[in-house]
Structures are given as C-alpha cells and as structure tokens.
Amino acid sequence: MLNPYLTETRKAFQDMLVRFVATQMTPYIDEWDEANRGGLARIMRRG
C-alpha cells in the first residue's frame, strides 16, 4: 500500500527544505557552533 502522505507537494517542500539547509545553514554551522560553545558548555556543566 502506498503512503498517502507522500505527495508531489510534500516532495517539493522536502526538496526546497534540503536546498535551504544546504545553502543557508550548512555554510555557517561551524561558525555558529564556535560562537555558542561557551554557553553550551556552561549549560552542560550545570546538568
């Protein structure tokens, strides 16, 4: 039985989201990680 939620609209949205993440987020991941490392480390130590 085919999944009724796997429509062309959903596929188009998924493709758009993948492109957005690849072009607008992935290039900045390391920069964001480094900028937030201090805050995250403090949160992790607090438990």
Protein backbone atom coordinates (compact mmCIF):
# COMPACT_ATOMS: atom_id res chain seq x y z
CA MET A 1 0.00 0.00 0.00
CA LEU A 2 1.34 3.42 -0.94
CA ASN A 3 1.73 6.06 1.74
CA PRO A 4 -0.97 8.71 1.14
CA TYR A 5 1.24 11.43 2.68
CA LEU A 6 4.00 11.10 0.08
CA THR A 7 2.53 13.59 -2.36
CA GLU A 8 4.18 15.72 -5.03
CA THR A 9 3.61 18.78 -2.82
CA ARG A 10 5.40 17.12 0.09
CA LYS A 11 8.27 16.09 -2.17
CA ALA A 12 8.58 19.65 -3.49
CA PHE A 13 8.61 21.01 0.07
CA GLN A 14 11.23 18.46 1.11
CA ASP A 15 13.44 19.37 -1.86
CA MET A 16 13.08 23.08 -1.06
CA LEU A 17 13.99 22.47 2.59
CA VAL A 18 17.05 20.42 1.66
CA ARG A 19 18.24 23.20 -0.67
CA PHE A 20 17.62 25.85 2.01
CA VAL A 21 19.61 23.96 4.64
CA ALA A 22 22.44 23.30 2.20
CA THR A 23 22.74 26.92 1.07
CA GLN A 24 21.62 28.98 4.06
CA MET A 25 22.62 26.92 7.09
CA THR A 26 25.37 24.41 6.36
CA PRO A 27 27.98 27.05 5.41
CA TYR A 28 27.58 28.67 8.84
CA ILE A 29 27.33 25.62 11.12
CA ASP A 30 30.94 25.74 12.33
CA GLU A 31 30.76 29.48 12.96
CA TRP A 32 27.52 29.13 14.96
CA ASP A 33 28.93 26.18 16.88
CA GLU A 34 32.04 28.12 17.88
CA ALA A 35 30.04 31.22 18.82
CA ASN A 36 27.78 29.21 21.12
CA ARG A 37 30.31 26.78 22.53
CA GLY A 38 30.86 28.74 25.74
CA GLY A 39 27.16 28.96 26.53
CA LEU A 40 26.50 25.33 25.72
CA ALA A 41 29.47 24.18 27.79
CA ARG A 42 28.12 26.08 30.82
CA ILE A 43 24.68 24.56 30.38
CA MET A 44 26.12 21.05 30.05
CA ARG A 45 28.21 21.50 33.26
CA ARG A 46 25.12 22.54 35.23
CA GLY A 47 23.49 19.27 34.32
